[in-house]
C-alpha atoms as a PDB file:
ATOM      1  CA  MET A   1      10.141 131.831 100.621  1.00  0.00           C
ATOM      2  CA  ASP A   2      13.516 132.906  99.200  1.00  0.00           C
ATOM      3  CA  GLU A   3      13.113 136.474 100.441  1.00  0.00           C
ATOM      4  CA  GLU A   4      12.165 135.338 103.944  1.00  0.00           C
ATOM      5  CA  LYS A   5      15.058 132.865 104.062  1.00  0.00           C
ATOM      6  CA  GLN A   6      17.506 135.586 103.075  1.00  0.00           C
ATOM      7  CA  SER A   7      16.111 137.960 105.731  1.00  0.00           C
ATOM      8  CA  LEU A   8      16.323 135.312 108.457  1.00  0.00           C
ATOM      9  CA  GLU A   9      19.863 134.335 107.507  1.00  0.00           C
ATOM     10  CA  SER A  10      20.906 138.019 107.421  1.00  0.00           C
ATOM     11  CA  ALA A  11      19.531 138.348 110.970  1.00  0.00           C
ATOM     12  CA  GLY A  12      21.662 135.410 112.182  1.00  0.00           C
ATOM     13  CA  TYR A  13      19.196 132.516 111.949  1.00  0.00           C
ATOM     14  CA  ARG A  14      20.330 129.107 110.746  1.00  0.00           C
ATOM     15  CA  GLN A  15      18.076 126.810 108.789  1.00  0.00           C
ATOM     16  CA  PHE A  16      17.681 123.232 110.011  1.00  0.00           C
ATOM     17  CA  LYS A  17      15.775 120.192 108.819  1.00  0.00           C
ATOM     18  CA  VAL A  18      12.190 120.052 110.045  1.00  0.00           C
ATOM     19  CA  PRO A  19      11.854 117.067 112.432  1.00  0.00           C
ATOM     20  CA  SER A  20       9.585 114.303 111.114  1.00  0.00           C
ATOM     21  CA  MET A  21       7.207 114.711 114.078  1.00  0.00           C
ATOM     22  CA  GLU A  22       6.504 118.275 112.899  1.00  0.00           C
ATOM     23  CA  LYS A  23       4.707 117.116 109.764  1.00  0.00           C
ATOM     24  CA  TYR A  24       2.681 120.322 109.253  1.00  0.00           C
ATOM     25  CA  ARG A  25       5.735 122.588 109.306  1.00  0.00           C
ATOM     26  CA  ASP A  26       7.669 123.180 106.104  1.00  0.00           C
ATOM     27  CA  ALA A  27      10.705 125.264 107.121  1.00  0.00           C
ATOM     28  CA  ALA A  28      12.691 125.768 110.315  1.00  0.00           C
ATOM     29  CA  PHE A  29      15.243 128.365 111.418  1.00  0.00           C
ATOM     30  CA  GLN A  30      16.839 128.970 114.820  1.00  0.00           C
ATOM     31  CA  LYS A  31      18.976 131.591 116.544  1.00  0.00           C
ATOM     32  CA  ARG A  32      20.643 131.564 119.973  1.00  0.00           C
ATOM     33  CA  PHE A  33      20.518 134.669 122.171  1.00  0.00           C
ATOM     34  CA  ARG A  34      23.354 135.067 124.686  1.00  0.00           C
ATOM     35  CA  ASP A  35      24.788 137.564 127.103  1.00  0.00           C
ATOM     36  CA  GLU A  36      27.559 137.489 129.698  1.00  0.00           C
ATOM     37  CA  GLY A  37      25.436 135.183 131.892  1.00  0.00           C
ATOM     38  CA  GLY A  38      25.090 132.457 129.268  1.00  0.00           C
ATOM     39  CA  THR A  39      22.464 131.328 126.768  1.00  0.00           C
ATOM     40  CA  LYS A  40      19.300 133.280 127.414  1.00  0.00           C
ATOM     41  CA  TYR A  41      17.054 131.448 124.960  1.00  0.00           C
ATOM     42  CA  PHE A  42      16.675 130.147 121.439  1.00  0.00           C
ATOM     43  CA  LEU A  43      14.113 131.485 119.005  1.00  0.00           C
ATOM     44  CA  THR A  44      12.754 128.976 116.515  1.00  0.00           C
ATOM     45  CA  VAL A  45      10.967 130.252 113.425  1.00  0.00           C
ATOM     46  CA  TRP A  46       8.611 127.747 111.811  1.00  0.00           C
ATOM     47  CA  GLY A  47       7.430 128.249 108.238  1.00  0.00           C
ATOM     48  CA  TYR A  48       4.174 126.976 106.784  1.00  0.00           C
ATOM     49  CA  ALA A  49       3.927 126.635 103.008  1.00  0.00           C
ATOM     50  CA  PRO A  50       0.963 127.899 101.004  1.00  0.00           C
ATOM     51  CA  VAL A  51      -2.053 125.588 100.809  1.00  0.00           C
ATOM     52  CA  PRO A  52      -4.152 126.870  97.883  1.00  0.00           C
ATOM     53  CA  GLU A  53      -6.945 124.335  98.445  1.00  0.00           C
ATOM     54  CA  HIS A  54      -7.514 126.044 101.833  1.00  0.00           C
ATOM     55  CA  LEU A  55      -7.175 129.515 100.283  1.00  0.00           C
ATOM     56  CA  ILE A  56      -3.751 130.112 101.861  1.00  0.00           C
ATOM     57  CA  PHE A  57      -1.612 131.554  99.097  1.00  0.00           C
ATOM     58  CA  GLU A  58       1.449 132.839 100.992  1.00  0.00           C
ATOM     59  CA  TRP A  59       3.950 131.493 103.486  1.00  0.00           C
ATOM     60  CA  HIS A  60       2.986 131.940 107.142  1.00  0.00           C
ATOM     61  CA  TRP A  61       5.419 132.090 110.041  1.00  0.00           C
ATOM     62  CA  MET A  62       5.367 131.348 113.766  1.00  0.00           C
ATOM     63  CA  VAL A  63       8.108 132.305 116.192  1.00  0.00           C
ATOM     64  CA  GLU A  64       8.568 130.143 119.299  1.00  0.00           C
ATOM     65  CA  LEU A  65      10.491 130.748 122.510  1.00  0.00           C
ATOM     66  CA  ARG A  66      10.558 127.925 125.054  1.00  0.00           C
ATOM     67  CA  THR A  67      11.722 128.195 128.625  1.00  0.00           C
ATOM     68  CA  HIS A  68      12.553 125.245 130.861  1.00  0.00           C
ATOM     69  CA  THR A  69      12.181 126.691 134.360  1.00  0.00           C
ATOM     70  CA  PRO A  70       9.295 127.397 134.376  1.00  0.00           C
ATOM     71  CA  GLN A  71       8.352 125.307 131.377  1.00  0.00           C
ATOM     72  CA  MET A  72       6.481 127.610 129.024  1.00  0.00           C
ATOM     73  CA  THR A  73       6.184 128.294 125.317  1.00  0.00           C
ATOM     74  CA  PHE A  74       5.703 131.807 123.967  1.00  0.00           C
ATOM     75  CA  GLU A  75       4.409 131.802 120.388  1.00  0.00           C
ATOM     76  CA  GLN A  76       4.077 134.725 118.034  1.00  0.00           C
ATOM     77  CA  HIS A  77       2.242 134.298 114.756  1.00  0.00           C
ATOM     78  CA  VAL A  78       3.690 136.700 112.227  1.00  0.00           C
ATOM     79  CA  GLY A  79       2.730 137.426 108.659  1.00  0.00           C
ATOM     80  CA  GLU A  80       5.642 138.352 106.475  1.00  0.00           C
ATOM     81  CA  LEU A  81       9.350 138.133 107.254  1.00  0.00           C
ATOM     82  CA  LYS A  82      10.707 139.962 104.260  1.00  0.00           C
ATOM     83  CA  SER A  83      12.921 142.395 106.137  1.00  0.00           C
ATOM     84  CA  THR A  84      15.245 142.397 109.119  1.00  0.00           C
ATOM     85  CA  GLY A  85      13.056 145.177 110.576  1.00  0.00           C
ATOM     86  CA  GLU A  86      10.112 142.775 110.812  1.00  0.00           C
ATOM     87  CA  ILE A  87      12.381 140.214 112.452  1.00  0.00           C
ATOM     88  CA  ALA A  88      13.629 142.798 114.977  1.00  0.00           C
ATOM     89  CA  VAL A  89      10.027 143.386 116.098  1.00  0.00           C
ATOM     90  CA  PHE A  90       9.419 139.763 117.106  1.00  0.00           C
ATOM     91  CA  GLU A  91      12.887 139.497 118.640  1.00  0.00           C
ATOM     92  CA  GLN A  92      12.112 142.499 120.872  1.00  0.00           C
ATOM     93  CA  ARG A  93       8.796 140.934 121.918  1.00  0.00           C
ATOM     94  CA  ALA A  94      10.613 137.715 122.824  1.00  0.00           C
ATOM     95  CA  GLU A  95      13.171 139.653 124.880  1.00  0.00           C
ATOM     96  CA  THR A  96      10.377 141.490 126.716  1.00  0.00           C
ATOM     97  CA  PHE A  97       8.669 138.162 127.490  1.00  0.00           C
ATOM     98  CA  TRP A  98      11.946 136.616 128.696  1.00  0.00           C
ATOM     99  CA  GLN A  99      12.611 139.551 131.020  1.00  0.00           C
ATOM    100  CA  ALA A 100       9.025 139.485 132.358  1.00  0.00           C
ATOM    101  CA  MET A 101       9.461 135.781 133.183  1.00  0.00           C
ATOM    102  CA  GLY A 102      12.388 136.653 135.476  1.00  0.00           C
ATOM    103  CA  GLN A 103      15.129 135.958 132.918  1.00  0.00           C
ATOM    104  CA  PRO A 104      15.110 132.134 133.012  1.00  0.00           C
ATOM    105  CA  TYR A 105      18.399 131.262 131.289  1.00  0.00           C
ATOM    106  CA  TYR A 106      18.438 128.275 128.963  1.00  0.00           C
ATOM    107  CA  GLY A 107      22.012 127.608 130.049  1.00  0.00           C
ATOM    108  CA  LYS A 108      24.182 129.536 132.513  1.00  0.00           C
ATOM    109  CA  GLU A 109      27.900 130.033 132.112  1.00  0.00           C
ATOM    110  CA  THR A 110      29.871 128.135 134.737  1.00  0.00           C
ATOM    111  CA  GLU A 111      32.673 129.835 136.563  1.00  0.00           C
END
């Protein structure tokens, strides 16, 4: 996971402690996306450790974007995250989804 962690951190993600209620997730990273209107959304990247007894020998990753109005979750299951290029692909998909939903800001800037 060291390579993936380095790629995520290079792309601006911050690691945080996995909440206890998320007992099947082994790593967590998050990044805020903003523009002049405010906070557009957060992307959370969840990591799942290898489970050799189930023939899973590599880390697996899921990217999650949640909106509040309307309340929806957009999940992308991705294989490897060993380069910032791979990260850019899922970030572009998240941006496309956010725009298609009518740009529901997570938090607007107040004037």
